[in-house]
Amino acid sequence: MNIILGKADTEKLGDKYVILELDTVTIKSSAPIVAYCVVDNIPLEDFPKVEIYKKLHSDLMEHYRNKRWLYCEDAINLLMGFWNKELDTFYESLLKRVQDFKQNAPDENWTGVIAK
């Protein structure tokens, strides 16, 4: 898996690779930048499910930004192990954040952007 910062490069690669949104980050005082991953090692037997899992991943990120924690937990449990396990560390990290937010809700202005 490779990481790309910003949307511009994703458009060039989107026809040949699976591109998935990860986190939105700010670095120091920068404007928010969306990080994406390029999944290029998908087992042949998973090909029939790729579009379904791309949608599930996309929905996960939308629900995360909208503080729908239960959906996030369920989606992460379904996504773990897919993508040839390349995103499992991301999903584990996201699950930990979700569980923390369930215990200590972020403030009302929270947008899901991570300051680095």
PDB file of N, CA and C in Angstrom:
ATOM      1  N   MET A   1       0.850  -1.172   0.000  1.00  0.00           N
ATOM      2  CA  MET A   1       0.000   0.000   0.000  1.00  0.00           C
ATOM      3  C   MET A   1       0.893   1.232   0.000  1.00  0.00           C
ATOM      4  N   ASN A   2       0.505   2.204  -0.797  1.00  0.00           N
ATOM      5  CA  ASN A   2       1.192   3.486  -0.848  1.00  0.00           C
ATOM      6  C   ASN A   2       0.225   4.570  -0.412  1.00  0.00           C
ATOM      7  N   ILE A   3       0.755   5.640   0.159  1.00  0.00           N
ATOM      8  CA  ILE A   3      -0.049   6.753   0.639  1.00  0.00           C
ATOM      9  C   ILE A   3       0.159   7.942  -0.284  1.00  0.00           C
ATOM     10  N   ILE A   4      -0.950   8.620  -0.588  1.00  0.00           N
ATOM     11  CA  ILE A   4      -0.924   9.827  -1.407  1.00  0.00           C
ATOM     12  C   ILE A   4      -1.581  10.935  -0.605  1.00  0.00           C
ATOM     13  N   LEU A   5      -0.986  12.118  -0.625  1.00  0.00           N
ATOM     14  CA  LEU A   5      -1.599  13.273   0.016  1.00  0.00           C
ATOM     15  C   LEU A   5      -2.198  14.166  -1.055  1.00  0.00           C
ATOM     16  N   GLY A   6      -3.472  14.456  -0.947  1.00  0.00           N
ATOM     17  CA  GLY A   6      -4.150  15.329  -1.896  1.00  0.00           C
ATOM     18  C   GLY A   6      -4.838  14.566  -3.005  1.00  0.00           C
ATOM     19  N   LYS A   7      -5.868  15.187  -3.545  1.00  0.00           N
ATOM     20  CA  LYS A   7      -6.739  14.552  -4.533  1.00  0.00           C
ATOM     21  C   LYS A   7      -6.127  14.476  -5.942  1.00  0.00           C
ATOM     22  N   ALA A   8      -5.270  15.421  -6.293  1.00  0.00           N
ATOM     23  CA  ALA A   8      -4.775  15.516  -7.663  1.00  0.00           C
ATOM     24  C   ALA A   8      -4.172  14.212  -8.181  1.00  0.00           C
ATOM     25  N   ASP A   9      -3.333  13.588  -7.394  1.00  0.00           N
ATOM     26  CA  ASP A   9      -2.674  12.361  -7.842  1.00  0.00           C
ATOM     27  C   ASP A   9      -3.634  11.168  -7.922  1.00  0.00           C
ATOM     28  N   THR A  10      -4.703  11.210  -7.137  1.00  0.00           N
ATOM     29  CA  THR A  10      -5.628  10.077  -7.151  1.00  0.00           C
ATOM     30  C   THR A  10      -6.337   9.950  -8.487  1.00  0.00           C
ATOM     31  N   GLU A  11      -6.605  11.071  -9.122  1.00  0.00           N
ATOM     32  CA  GLU A  11      -7.312  11.040 -10.407  1.00  0.00           C
ATOM     33  C   GLU A  11      -6.468  10.355 -11.482  1.00  0.00           C
ATOM     34  N   LYS A  12      -5.159  10.502 -11.411  1.00  0.00           N
ATOM     35  CA  LYS A  12      -4.272   9.879 -12.381  1.00  0.00           C
ATOM     36  C   LYS A  12      -4.226   8.361 -12.206  1.00  0.00           C
ATOM     37  N   LEU A  13      -4.368   7.915 -10.974  1.00  0.00           N
ATOM     38  CA  LEU A  13      -4.204   6.494 -10.666  1.00  0.00           C
ATOM     39  C   LEU A  13      -5.519   5.724 -10.572  1.00  0.00           C
ATOM     40  N   GLY A  14      -6.625   6.445 -10.440  1.00  0.00           N
ATOM     41  CA  GLY A  14      -7.915   5.836 -10.164  1.00  0.00           C
ATOM     42  C   GLY A  14      -8.411   4.811 -11.169  1.00  0.00           C
ATOM     43  N   ASP A  15      -7.967   4.896 -12.407  1.00  0.00           N
ATOM     44  CA  ASP A  15      -8.411   3.931 -13.415  1.00  0.00           C
ATOM     45  C   ASP A  15      -7.667   2.604 -13.330  1.00  0.00           C
ATOM     46  N   LYS A  16      -6.478   2.621 -12.722  1.00  0.00           N
ATOM     47  CA  LYS A  16      -5.649   1.419 -12.695  1.00  0.00           C
ATOM     48  C   LYS A  16      -5.574   0.757 -11.320  1.00  0.00           C
ATOM     49  N   TYR A  17      -5.846   1.528 -10.272  1.00  0.00           N
ATOM     50  CA  TYR A  17      -5.685   1.033  -8.914  1.00  0.00           C
ATOM     51  C   TYR A  17      -6.922   1.347  -8.081  1.00  0.00           C
ATOM     52  N   VAL A  18      -7.037   0.664  -6.966  1.00  0.00           N
ATOM     53  CA  VAL A  18      -8.064   0.992  -5.987  1.00  0.00           C
ATOM     54  C   VAL A  18      -7.490   2.099  -5.114  1.00  0.00           C
ATOM     55  N   ILE A  19      -8.201   3.230  -5.063  1.00  0.00           N
ATOM     56  CA  ILE A  19      -7.800   4.375  -4.257  1.00  0.00           C
ATOM     57  C   ILE A  19      -8.848   4.544  -3.163  1.00  0.00           C
ATOM     58  N   LEU A  20      -8.407   4.589  -1.916  1.00  0.00           N
ATOM     59  CA  LEU A  20      -9.320   4.721  -0.783  1.00  0.00           C
ATOM     60  C   LEU A  20      -8.913   5.905   0.084  1.00  0.00           C
ATOM     61  N   GLU A  21      -9.907   6.676   0.494  1.00  0.00           N
ATOM     62  CA  GLU A  21      -9.659   7.795   1.400  1.00  0.00           C
ATOM     63  C   GLU A  21      -9.280   7.264   2.770  1.00  0.00           C
ATOM     64  N   LEU A  22      -8.297   7.904   3.368  1.00  0.00           N
ATOM     65  CA  LEU A  22      -7.933   7.584   4.740  1.00  0.00           C
ATOM     66  C   LEU A  22      -8.339   8.768   5.608  1.00  0.00           C
ATOM     67  N   ASP A  23      -7.415   9.376   6.279  1.00  0.00           N
ATOM     68  CA  ASP A  23      -7.721  10.494   7.162  1.00  0.00           C
ATOM     69  C   ASP A  23      -7.517  11.829   6.468  1.00  0.00           C
ATOM     70  N   THR A  24      -8.139  12.844   7.035  1.00  0.00           N
ATOM     71  CA  THR A  24      -7.872  14.225   6.657  1.00  0.00           C
ATOM     72  C   THR A  24      -7.005  14.802   7.765  1.00  0.00           C
ATOM     73  N   VAL A  25      -5.890  15.403   7.377  1.00  0.00           N
ATOM     74  CA  VAL A  25      -4.924  15.898   8.351  1.00  0.00           C
ATOM     75  C   VAL A  25      -4.571  17.355   8.069  1.00  0.00           C
ATOM     76  N   THR A  26      -4.127  18.014   9.125  1.00  0.00           N
ATOM     77  CA  THR A  26      -3.469  19.308   8.969  1.00  0.00           C
ATOM     78  C   THR A  26      -2.055  19.125   9.507  1.00  0.00           C
ATOM     79  N   ILE A  27      -1.109  19.666   8.799  1.00  0.00           N
ATOM     80  CA  ILE A  27       0.283  19.572   9.218  1.00  0.00           C
ATOM     81  C   ILE A  27       0.723  20.981   9.595  1.00  0.00           C
ATOM     82  N   LYS A  28       1.032  21.141  10.883  1.00  0.00           N
ATOM     83  CA  LYS A  28       1.296  22.458  11.469  1.00  0.00           C
ATOM     84  C   LYS A  28       0.057  23.310  11.247  1.00  0.00           C
ATOM     85  N   SER A  29       0.132  24.365  10.495  1.00  0.00           N
ATOM     86  CA  SER A  29      -1.042  25.220  10.296  1.00  0.00           C
ATOM     87  C   SER A  29      -1.565  25.143   8.864  1.00  0.00           C
ATOM     88  N   SER A  30      -1.299  24.041   8.195  1.00  0.00           N
ATOM     89  CA  SER A  30      -1.731  23.895   6.799  1.00  0.00           C
ATOM     90  C   SER A  30      -3.241  23.739   6.701  1.00  0.00           C
ATOM     91  N   ALA A  31      -3.745  23.922   5.515  1.00  0.00           N
ATOM     92  CA  ALA A  31      -5.148  23.614   5.243  1.00  0.00           C
ATOM     93  C   ALA A  31      -5.302  22.096   5.328  1.00  0.00           C
ATOM     94  N   PRO A  32      -6.499  21.609   5.604  1.00  0.00           N
ATOM     95  CA  PRO A  32      -6.699  20.152   5.658  1.00  0.00           C
ATOM     96  C   PRO A  32      -6.315  19.470   4.346  1.00  0.00           C
ATOM     97  N   ILE A  33      -5.623  18.357   4.487  1.00  0.00           N
ATOM     98  CA  ILE A  33      -5.175  17.562   3.342  1.00  0.00           C
ATOM     99  C   ILE A  33      -5.727  16.151   3.527  1.00  0.00           C
ATOM    100  N   VAL A  34      -6.346  15.625   2.486  1.00  0.00           N
ATOM    101  CA  VAL A  34      -6.879  14.268   2.558  1.00  0.00           C
ATOM    102  C   VAL A  34      -5.783  13.289   2.145  1.00  0.00           C
ATOM    103  N   ALA A  35      -5.595  12.266   2.972  1.00  0.00           N
ATOM    104  CA  ALA A  35      -4.644  11.204   2.658  1.00  0.00           C
ATOM    105  C   ALA A  35      -5.417  10.042   2.050  1.00  0.00           C
ATOM    106  N   TYR A  36      -4.866   9.463   1.020  1.00  0.00           N
ATOM    107  CA  TYR A  36      -5.453   8.319   0.338  1.00  0.00           C
ATOM    108  C   TYR A  36      -4.439   7.190   0.311  1.00  0.00           C
ATOM    109  N   CYS A  37      -4.925   5.976   0.140  1.00  0.00           N
ATOM    110  CA  CYS A  37      -4.018   4.861  -0.065  1.00  0.00           C
ATOM    111  C   CYS A  37      -4.289   4.248  -1.428  1.00  0.00           C
ATOM    112  N   VAL A  38      -3.241   3.713  -1.993  1.00  0.00           N
ATOM    113  CA  VAL A  38      -3.323   2.984  -3.255  1.00  0.00           C
ATOM    114  C   VAL A  38      -3.174   1.516  -2.914  1.00  0.00           C
ATOM    115  N   VAL A  39      -4.220   0.753  -3.166  1.00  0.00           N
ATOM    116  CA  VAL A  39      -4.190  -0.681  -2.896  1.00  0.00           C
ATOM    117  C   VAL A  39      -3.865  -1.359  -4.217  1.00  0.00           C
ATOM    118  N   ASP A  40      -2.726  -2.008  -4.263  1.00  0.00           N
ATOM    119  CA  ASP A  40      -2.314  -2.597  -5.540  1.00  0.00           C
ATOM    120  C   ASP A  40      -2.075  -4.099  -5.457  1.00  0.00           C
ATOM    121  N   ASN A  41      -2.412  -4.701  -4.338  1.00  0.00           N
ATOM    122  CA  ASN A  41      -2.156  -6.125  -4.179  1.00  0.00           C
ATOM    123  C   ASN A  41      -3.436  -6.821  -3.710  1.00  0.00           C
ATOM    124  N   ILE A  42      -4.378  -6.965  -4.618  1.00  0.00           N
ATOM    125  CA  ILE A  42      -5.666  -7.574  -4.290  1.00  0.00           C
ATOM    126  C   ILE A  42      -5.682  -9.007  -4.829  1.00  0.00           C
ATOM    127  N   PRO A  43      -5.919  -9.979  -3.949  1.00  0.00           N
ATOM    128  CA  PRO A  43      -5.982 -11.370  -4.417  1.00  0.00           C
ATOM    129  C   PRO A  43      -7.094 -11.548  -5.461  1.00  0.00           C
ATOM    130  N   LEU A  44      -6.841 -12.388  -6.419  1.00  0.00           N
ATOM    131  CA  LEU A  44      -7.780 -12.621  -7.510  1.00  0.00           C
ATOM    132  C   LEU A  44      -9.168 -13.022  -7.010  1.00  0.00           C
ATOM    133  N   GLU A  45      -9.227 -13.837  -5.959  1.00  0.00           N
ATOM    134  CA  GLU A  45     -10.526 -14.288  -5.456  1.00  0.00           C
ATOM    135  C   GLU A  45     -11.331 -13.161  -4.819  1.00  0.00           C
ATOM    136  N   ASP A  46     -10.691 -12.033  -4.490  1.00  0.00           N
ATOM    137  CA  ASP A  46     -11.401 -10.897  -3.904  1.00  0.00           C
ATOM    138  C   ASP A  46     -11.956  -9.928  -4.951  1.00  0.00           C
ATOM    139  N   PHE A  47     -11.561 -10.068  -6.195  1.00  0.00           N
ATOM    140  CA  PHE A  47     -12.000  -9.138  -7.230  1.00  0.00           C
ATOM    141  C   PHE A  47     -13.513  -8.979  -7.320  1.00  0.00           C
ATOM    142  N   PRO A  48     -14.310 -10.049  -7.213  1.00  0.00           N
ATOM    143  CA  PRO A  48     -15.765  -9.852  -7.311  1.00  0.00           C
ATOM    144  C   PRO A  48     -16.347  -8.982  -6.191  1.00  0.00           C
ATOM    145  N   LYS A  49     -15.617  -8.829  -5.084  1.00  0.00           N
ATOM    146  CA  LYS A  49     -16.124  -8.070  -3.936  1.00  0.00           C
ATOM    147  C   LYS A  49     -15.551  -6.659  -3.839  1.00  0.00           C
ATOM    148  N   VAL A  50     -14.645  -6.293  -4.724  1.00  0.00           N
ATOM    149  CA  VAL A  50     -13.925  -5.022  -4.597  1.00  0.00           C
ATOM    150  C   VAL A  50     -14.870  -3.826  -4.568  1.00  0.00           C
ATOM    151  N   GLU A  51     -15.829  -3.756  -5.465  1.00  0.00           N
ATOM    152  CA  GLU A  51     -16.725  -2.592  -5.505  1.00  0.00           C
ATOM    153  C   GLU A  51     -17.560  -2.488  -4.234  1.00  0.00           C
ATOM    154  N   ILE A  52     -17.998  -3.609  -3.706  1.00  0.00           N
ATOM    155  CA  ILE A  52     -18.786  -3.615  -2.467  1.00  0.00           C
ATOM    156  C   ILE A  52     -17.932  -3.093  -1.307  1.00  0.00           C
ATOM    157  N   TYR A  53     -16.693  -3.545  -1.223  1.00  0.00           N
ATOM    158  CA  TYR A  53     -15.821  -3.130  -0.129  1.00  0.00           C
ATOM    159  C   TYR A  53     -15.330  -1.694  -0.298  1.00  0.00           C
ATOM    160  N   LYS A  54     -15.181  -1.231  -1.534  1.00  0.00           N
ATOM    161  CA  LYS A  54     -14.857   0.182  -1.757  1.00  0.00           C
ATOM    162  C   LYS A  54     -15.988   1.059  -1.222  1.00  0.00           C
ATOM    163  N   LYS A  55     -17.215   0.675  -1.499  1.00  0.00           N
ATOM    164  CA  LYS A  55     -18.383   1.433  -1.021  1.00  0.00           C
ATOM    165  C   LYS A  55     -18.451   1.384   0.504  1.00  0.00           C
ATOM    166  N   LEU A  56     -18.239   0.222   1.084  1.00  0.00           N
ATOM    167  CA  LEU A  56     -18.267   0.088   2.532  1.00  0.00           C
ATOM    168  C   LEU A  56     -17.203   0.974   3.176  1.00  0.00           C
ATOM    169  N   HIS A  57     -16.012   0.990   2.604  1.00  0.00           N
ATOM    170  CA  HIS A  57     -14.937   1.835   3.130  1.00  0.00           C
ATOM    171  C   HIS A  57     -15.317   3.316   3.018  1.00  0.00           C
ATOM    172  N   SER A  58     -15.836   3.713   1.884  1.00  0.00           N
ATOM    173  CA  SER A  58     -16.265   5.097   1.678  1.00  0.00           C
ATOM    174  C   SER A  58     -17.347   5.490   2.684  1.00  0.00           C
ATOM    175  N   ASP A  59     -18.321   4.615   2.871  1.00  0.00           N
ATOM    176  CA  ASP A  59     -19.384   4.867   3.850  1.00  0.00           C
ATOM    177  C   ASP A  59     -18.821   4.959   5.257  1.00  0.00           C
ATOM    178  N   LEU A  60     -17.853   4.122   5.569  1.00  0.00           N
ATOM    179  CA  LEU A  60     -17.206   4.161   6.874  1.00  0.00           C
ATOM    180  C   LEU A  60     -16.637   5.549   7.138  1.00  0.00           C
ATOM    181  N   MET A  61     -15.921   6.094   6.184  1.00  0.00           N
ATOM    182  CA  MET A  61     -15.298   7.397   6.386  1.00  0.00           C
ATOM    183  C   MET A  61     -16.341   8.499   6.541  1.00  0.00           C
ATOM    184  N   GLU A  62     -17.423   8.406   5.794  1.00  0.00           N
ATOM    185  CA  GLU A  62     -18.510   9.393   5.926  1.00  0.00           C
ATOM    186  C   GLU A  62     -19.158   9.299   7.311  1.00  0.00           C
ATOM    187  N   HIS A  63     -19.451   8.090   7.752  1.00  0.00           N
ATOM    188  CA  HIS A  63     -20.073   7.902   9.065  1.00  0.00           C
ATOM    189  C   HIS A  63     -19.126   8.316  10.191  1.00  0.00           C
ATOM    190  N   TYR A  64     -17.839   8.114  10.012  1.00  0.00           N
ATOM    191  CA  TYR A  64     -16.852   8.551  11.003  1.00  0.00           C
ATOM    192  C   TYR A  64     -16.918  10.068  11.176  1.00  0.00           C
ATOM    193  N   ARG A  65     -16.907  10.790  10.072  1.00  0.00           N
ATOM    194  CA  ARG A  65     -16.972  12.258  10.151  1.00  0.00           C
ATOM    195  C   ARG A  65     -18.291  12.743  10.755  1.00  0.00           C
ATOM    196  N   ASN A  66     -19.337  11.916  10.639  1.00  0.00           N
ATOM    197  CA  ASN A  66     -20.649  12.285  11.174  1.00  0.00           C
ATOM    198  C   ASN A  66     -20.920  11.668  12.545  1.00  0.00           C
ATOM    199  N   LYS A  67     -19.895  11.125  13.175  1.00  0.00           N
ATOM    200  CA  LYS A  67     -19.957  10.608  14.546  1.00  0.00           C
ATOM    201  C   LYS A  67     -20.957   9.460  14.714  1.00  0.00           C
ATOM    202  N   ARG A  68     -21.072   8.632  13.724  1.00  0.00           N
ATOM    203  CA  ARG A  68     -21.946   7.460  13.817  1.00  0.00           C
ATOM    204  C   ARG A  68     -21.077   6.256  14.183  1.00  0.00           C
ATOM    205  N   TRP A  69     -20.767   6.160  15.459  1.00  0.00           N
ATOM    206  CA  TRP A  69     -19.755   5.230  15.957  1.00  0.00           C
ATOM    207  C   TRP A  69     -20.142   3.769  15.789  1.00  0.00           C
ATOM    208  N   LEU A  70     -21.388   3.423  16.006  1.00  0.00           N
ATOM    209  CA  LEU A  70     -21.798   2.027  15.884  1.00  0.00           C
ATOM    210  C   LEU A  70     -21.612   1.526  14.452  1.00  0.00           C
ATOM    211  N   TYR A  71     -22.013   2.341  13.477  1.00  0.00           N
ATOM    212  CA  TYR A  71     -21.804   1.964  12.077  1.00  0.00           C
ATOM    213  C   TYR A  71     -20.312   1.755  11.824  1.00  0.00           C
ATOM    214  N   CYS A  72     -19.496   2.660  12.341  1.00  0.00           N
ATOM    215  CA  CYS A  72     -18.045   2.559  12.135  1.00  0.00           C
ATOM    216  C   CYS A  72     -17.502   1.241  12.671  1.00  0.00           C
ATOM    217  N   GLU A  73     -17.909   0.888  13.878  1.00  0.00           N
ATOM    218  CA  GLU A  73     -17.432  -0.369  14.458  1.00  0.00           C
ATOM    219  C   GLU A  73     -17.846  -1.558  13.595  1.00  0.00           C
ATOM    220  N   ASP A  74     -19.087  -1.576  13.165  1.00  0.00           N
ATOM    221  CA  ASP A  74     -19.572  -2.682  12.332  1.00  0.00           C
ATOM    222  C   ASP A  74     -18.835  -2.748  10.997  1.00  0.00           C
ATOM    223  N   ALA A  75     -18.649  -1.598  10.371  1.00  0.00           N
ATOM    224  CA  ALA A  75     -17.968  -1.561   9.073  1.00  0.00           C
ATOM    225  C   ALA A  75     -16.511  -2.011   9.213  1.00  0.00           C
ATOM    226  N   ILE A  76     -15.846  -1.548  10.255  1.00  0.00           N
ATOM    227  CA  ILE A  76     -14.446  -1.934  10.462  1.00  0.00           C
ATOM    228  C   ILE A  76     -14.336  -3.441  10.657  1.00  0.00           C
ATOM    229  N   ASN A  77     -15.255  -4.010  11.415  1.00  0.00           N
ATOM    230  CA  ASN A  77     -15.230  -5.468  11.607  1.00  0.00           C
ATOM    231  C   ASN A  77     -15.389  -6.210  10.290  1.00  0.00           C
ATOM    232  N   LEU A  78     -16.190  -5.684   9.379  1.00  0.00           N
ATOM    233  CA  LEU A  78     -16.349  -6.322   8.067  1.00  0.00           C
ATOM    234  C   LEU A  78     -15.131  -6.099   7.168  1.00  0.00           C
ATOM    235  N   LEU A  79     -14.505  -4.935   7.291  1.00  0.00           N
ATOM    236  CA  LEU A  79     -13.386  -4.587   6.414  1.00  0.00           C
ATOM    237  C   LEU A  79     -12.060  -5.212   6.834  1.00  0.00           C
ATOM    238  N   MET A  80     -11.923  -5.525   8.117  1.00  0.00           N
ATOM    239  CA  MET A  80     -10.667  -6.115   8.599  1.00  0.00           C
ATOM    240  C   MET A  80     -10.372  -7.395   7.819  1.00  0.00           C
ATOM    241  N   GLY A  81      -9.153  -7.487   7.329  1.00  0.00           N
ATOM    242  CA  GLY A  81      -8.735  -8.672   6.588  1.00  0.00           C
ATOM    243  C   GLY A  81      -8.896  -8.539   5.082  1.00  0.00           C
ATOM    244  N   PHE A  82      -9.786  -7.635   4.641  1.00  0.00           N
ATOM    245  CA  PHE A  82      -9.928  -7.433   3.201  1.00  0.00           C
ATOM    246  C   PHE A  82      -8.758  -6.557   2.737  1.00  0.00           C
ATOM    247  N   TRP A  83      -8.655  -6.295   1.491  1.00  0.00           N
ATOM    248  CA  TRP A  83      -7.542  -5.533   0.901  1.00  0.00           C
ATOM    249  C   TRP A  83      -6.211  -6.220   1.197  1.00  0.00           C
ATOM    250  N   ASN A  84      -6.262  -7.562   1.222  1.00  0.00           N
ATOM    251  CA  ASN A  84      -5.064  -8.358   1.485  1.00  0.00           C
ATOM    252  C   ASN A  84      -4.405  -7.945   2.809  1.00  0.00           C
ATOM    253  N   LYS A  85      -5.232  -7.477   3.744  1.00  0.00           N
ATOM    254  CA  LYS A  85      -4.821  -7.032   5.084  1.00  0.00           C
ATOM    255  C   LYS A  85      -3.953  -5.781   5.076  1.00  0.00           C
ATOM    256  N   GLU A  86      -3.834  -5.125   3.913  1.00  0.00           N
ATOM    257  CA  GLU A  86      -2.985  -3.938   3.814  1.00  0.00           C
ATOM    258  C   GLU A  86      -3.506  -2.772   4.636  1.00  0.00           C
ATOM    259  N   LEU A  87      -4.805  -2.686   4.881  1.00  0.00           N
ATOM    260  CA  LEU A  87      -5.370  -1.574   5.629  1.00  0.00           C
ATOM    261  C   LEU A  87      -5.690  -1.926   7.077  1.00  0.00           C
ATOM    262  N   ASP A  88      -5.348  -3.111   7.505  1.00  0.00           N
ATOM    263  CA  ASP A  88      -5.720  -3.537   8.858  1.00  0.00           C
ATOM    264  C   ASP A  88      -5.158  -2.619   9.945  1.00  0.00           C
ATOM    265  N   THR A  89      -3.946  -2.127   9.799  1.00  0.00           N
ATOM    266  CA  THR A  89      -3.415  -1.231  10.826  1.00  0.00           C
ATOM    267  C   THR A  89      -4.191   0.086  10.846  1.00  0.00           C
ATOM    268  N   PHE A  90      -4.613   0.557   9.680  1.00  0.00           N
ATOM    269  CA  PHE A  90      -5.446   1.759   9.635  1.00  0.00           C
ATOM    270  C   PHE A  90      -6.780   1.501  10.330  1.00  0.00           C
ATOM    271  N   TYR A  91      -7.411   0.368  10.002  1.00  0.00           N
ATOM    272  CA  TYR A  91      -8.697   0.050  10.622  1.00  0.00           C
ATOM    273  C   TYR A  91      -8.568  -0.127  12.136  1.00  0.00           C
ATOM    274  N   GLU A  92      -7.487  -0.721  12.592  1.00  0.00           N
ATOM    275  CA  GLU A  92      -7.273  -0.882  14.035  1.00  0.00           C
ATOM    276  C   GLU A  92      -7.136   0.479  14.716  1.00  0.00           C
ATOM    277  N   SER A  93      -6.404   1.376  14.094  1.00  0.00           N
ATOM    278  CA  SER A  93      -6.228   2.722  14.636  1.00  0.00           C
ATOM    279  C   SER A  93      -7.558   3.478  14.649  1.00  0.00           C
ATOM    280  N   LEU A  94      -8.301   3.370  13.571  1.00  0.00           N
ATOM    281  CA  LEU A  94      -9.595   4.040  13.483  1.00  0.00           C
ATOM    282  C   LEU A  94     -10.565   3.471  14.517  1.00  0.00           C
ATOM    283  N   LEU A  95     -10.553   2.169  14.695  1.00  0.00           N
ATOM    284  CA  LEU A  95     -11.423   1.530  15.680  1.00  0.00           C
ATOM    285  C   LEU A  95     -11.095   2.032  17.089  1.00  0.00           C
ATOM    286  N   LYS A  96      -9.828   2.178  17.384  1.00  0.00           N
ATOM    287  CA  LYS A  96      -9.436   2.690  18.696  1.00  0.00           C
ATOM    288  C   LYS A  96      -9.964   4.112  18.893  1.00  0.00           C
ATOM    289  N   ARG A  97      -9.837   4.951  17.857  1.00  0.00           N
ATOM    290  CA  ARG A  97     -10.373   6.316  17.953  1.00  0.00           C
ATOM    291  C   ARG A  97     -11.884   6.300  18.167  1.00  0.00           C
ATOM    292  N   VAL A  98     -12.581   5.455  17.407  1.00  0.00           N
ATOM    293  CA  VAL A  98     -14.039   5.348  17.530  1.00  0.00           C
ATOM    294  C   VAL A  98     -14.421   4.946  18.944  1.00  0.00           C
ATOM    295  N   GLN A  99     -13.749   3.956  19.479  1.00  0.00           N
ATOM    296  CA  GLN A  99     -14.058   3.493  20.833  1.00  0.00           C
ATOM    297  C   GLN A  99     -13.765   4.578  21.866  1.00  0.00           C
ATOM    298  N   ASP A 100     -12.684   5.331  21.653  1.00  0.00           N
ATOM    299  CA  ASP A 100     -12.379   6.450  22.547  1.00  0.00           C
ATOM    300  C   ASP A 100     -13.463   7.525  22.460  1.00  0.00           C
ATOM    301  N   PHE A 101     -13.930   7.813  21.244  1.00  0.00           N
ATOM    302  CA  PHE A 101     -14.974   8.828  21.066  1.00  0.00           C
ATOM    303  C   PHE A 101     -16.309   8.377  21.652  1.00  0.00           C
ATOM    304  N   LYS A 102     -16.553   7.078  21.667  1.00  0.00           N
ATOM    305  CA  LYS A 102     -17.778   6.589  22.306  1.00  0.00           C
ATOM    306  C   LYS A 102     -17.745   6.873  23.804  1.00  0.00           C
ATOM    307  N   GLN A 103     -16.568   6.786  24.399  1.00  0.00           N
ATOM    308  CA  GLN A 103     -16.411   7.034  25.829  1.00  0.00           C
ATOM    309  C   GLN A 103     -16.322   8.532  26.143  1.00  0.00           C
ATOM    310  N   ASN A 104     -15.634   9.261  25.284  1.00  0.00           N
ATOM    311  CA  ASN A 104     -15.413  10.705  25.466  1.00  0.00           C
ATOM    312  C   ASN A 104     -15.738  11.401  24.150  1.00  0.00           C
ATOM    313  N   ALA A 105     -16.978  11.779  23.983  1.00  0.00           N
ATOM    314  CA  ALA A 105     -17.444  12.358  22.725  1.00  0.00           C
ATOM    315  C   ALA A 105     -16.650  13.610  22.362  1.00  0.00           C
ATOM    316  N   PRO A 106     -16.296  13.738  21.088  1.00  0.00           N
ATOM    317  CA  PRO A 106     -15.614  14.965  20.658  1.00  0.00           C
ATOM    318  C   PRO A 106     -16.589  16.146  20.736  1.00  0.00           C
ATOM    319  N   ASP A 107     -16.044  17.345  20.774  1.00  0.00           N
ATOM    320  CA  ASP A 107     -16.932  18.502  20.879  1.00  0.00           C
ATOM    321  C   ASP A 107     -17.746  18.688  19.603  1.00  0.00           C
ATOM    322  N   GLU A 108     -18.709  19.570  19.665  1.00  0.00           N
ATOM    323  CA  GLU A 108     -19.647  19.742  18.554  1.00  0.00           C
ATOM    324  C   GLU A 108     -19.000  20.294  17.296  1.00  0.00           C
ATOM    325  N   ASN A 109     -17.835  20.908  17.400  1.00  0.00           N
ATOM    326  CA  ASN A 109     -17.132  21.466  16.242  1.00  0.00           C
ATOM    327  C   ASN A 109     -16.176  20.471  15.587  1.00  0.00           C
ATOM    328  N   TRP A 110     -16.102  19.277  16.121  1.00  0.00           N
ATOM    329  CA  TRP A 110     -15.191  18.259  15.607  1.00  0.00           C
ATOM    330  C   TRP A 110     -15.572  17.893  14.174  1.00  0.00           C
ATOM    331  N   THR A 111     -14.582  17.807  13.303  1.00  0.00           N
ATOM    332  CA  THR A 111     -14.825  17.485  11.900  1.00  0.00           C
ATOM    333  C   THR A 111     -14.135  16.205  11.451  1.00  0.00           C
ATOM    334  N   GLY A 112     -13.370  15.605  12.335  1.00  0.00           N
ATOM    335  CA  GLY A 112     -12.632  14.398  11.973  1.00  0.00           C
ATOM    336  C   GLY A 112     -11.227  14.686  11.482  1.00  0.00           C
ATOM    337  N   VAL A 113     -10.872  15.950  11.332  1.00  0.00           N
ATOM    338  CA  VAL A 113      -9.524  16.322  10.871  1.00  0.00           C
ATOM    339  C   VAL A 113      -8.532  16.095  12.005  1.00  0.00           C
ATOM    340  N   ILE A 114      -7.411  15.480  11.668  1.00  0.00           N
ATOM    341  CA  ILE A 114      -6.370  15.170  12.639  1.00  0.00           C
ATOM    342  C   ILE A 114      -5.220  16.162  12.479  1.00  0.00           C
ATOM    343  N   ALA A 115      -4.853  16.800  13.567  1.00  0.00           N
ATOM    344  CA  ALA A 115      -3.704  17.735  13.552  1.00  0.00           C
ATOM    345  C   ALA A 115      -2.429  16.926  13.754  1.00  0.00           C
ATOM    346  N   LYS A 116      -1.477  17.112  12.884  1.00  0.00           N
ATOM    347  CA  LYS A 116      -0.168  16.433  12.991  1.00  0.00           C
ATOM    348  C   LYS A 116       0.907  17.428  13.354  1.00  0.00           C
TER     349      LYS A 116
END
